[in-house]
Every structure is written in structure tokens, then in C-alpha cells.
Amino acid sequence: MNNKLQQIKEFAQKHLGKDQCSAHSMDHVMRVFNLANTLAKGQKVDLEVIQIAALLHDIGGAQEANDKSGKTDHALVSAQMADPFLRKLGYNEEKIQHIKDCIETHRYRTTRRPKTLEAKIVFDADKLETVGAIGVARAYAWVGKHNAYLYRKVDIKKYADENLGGSLKGRIQDRSKHSPQINWETKDKHIVNYLYTPQAKKIAKARKKYFEQFLDKLEREIQGKE
């Protein structure tokens, strides 16, 4: 990691801080960074754009978490926070805008979609964190942070109307009403259909199977069947 990337990493670490949910900690950021590098191999991309966007994509997360109205979008906040810092480091306007586009379009629960291959790789690397063994671990870290349910299954359409603004891809309004099972039905099991790169889709299929098996086993145990 060169000097500029190290400075960016330290900037991200500073803004993520100790109060950030462990599901969105610096460990998460570095997993996304490393996976984005893997997805970028052999592709004609600006690797520096991908790496910087991966490091900065969640720096506005604390502002979203602290906004009980659910109106703050950490992707937009992160891009806004990144702008003056990247200018200070001497990046030109074109590169800064490209990085900001990757950050602004990295989240699932939004109408904004990545257009460049760099943005698609950042999106894919971040979304792969929602499935597989790491997906299970992060789901329950999130549950603990927001005092949500370990297990809760609901009528999904009704739930979307009540807590997702009427859309399965809507923003969660009251996090304490959510659960890994609800997140699976509204997001995680569909994620492979929203990924962009062939390698990410391949990884997602294997990870999705693991997560689904875990949820099935958990439900049997919850019901006292085994």
C-alpha cells in the first residue's frame, strides 16, 4: 500500500471510529478492499479508483446510524466527506468524481446504480459481505448493535409497507424490528441477481448456499426439532 493509500486508510479508520458497528468496521472495509482487488484482476480498470472508493465507502456510516429518522444515506455522506480530503491529497477533478460515483452507488437499498466497471466492482465486493459465513457473522453483529431479532419471520409484503417504505429494497426505518430472516427475504437471497461481475456471481452462489443452510438449521433449532 503506497503512501497516499495509507493516508486514506488512516482517514477512514479515524471516521469509522470505535462506535461503529463491527459489521461495518475497518475490518469490513479491508475485506471489501481485498476482495475488490481480487475482482479487478485481469480487468481494464483504474485500480486506484477502486481501492480508494473501497477504503472510503462507509466513512459516513456513523451519521446514518445516529439519524433515527432513517433519512440519512451514508453513501452520499461518505462521498461528501471524501471530496475535500481527496482534493487535499492532490487528486484531479475527474478522478475525484469517479471515486465519489463508486462510493455513492455502492449500496443496495437505493435507486442509484453503478455505471462504470470500477463502481460495479466496488458494489460487488461490498455486497458479497452479506452472504456466506461472513454474512452470517455480520448479520448477528448488526442484530446486537440495533437490538434487533435473532429470529423473526413475517409477512414480507406487509413488513415492507410498515418498515421499508413500501418497497422490498426500501430503507429500514426501525432497525429493532428487523432480523436476519427478514433481511434474507428482502435482500440477501436476491443479491446474486444484482451483482455485475461474473466472478462475483460465482462467489455469491456458493456463499448464498451456505447462508441458506444456516438459516434452515437455525429455524429447526428454534422450533425445537433437533
Foldseek 3Di string as FASTA:
>chain_A
DDPVLVVLLVVLQVLCDPLHQPLPHSVLLVQLLVQLVVLCPPPPDDNVLLNSLSSQLQSQVVVCVPDLQNPDDRLQVSLVVVVVVVVVVPDDPVSSVSSSLLSNAQDQLDPRHRDDPSSLSSNLSNLLCCFAPNVVVSQVSLCVSQVADQDDDDDLQVCCVVAQVRALSRGGNRRNDDYNVSCCVSPLVCPLVVHDGPVSNVSSVVRRVNRVVVVVVVVCVVVVND
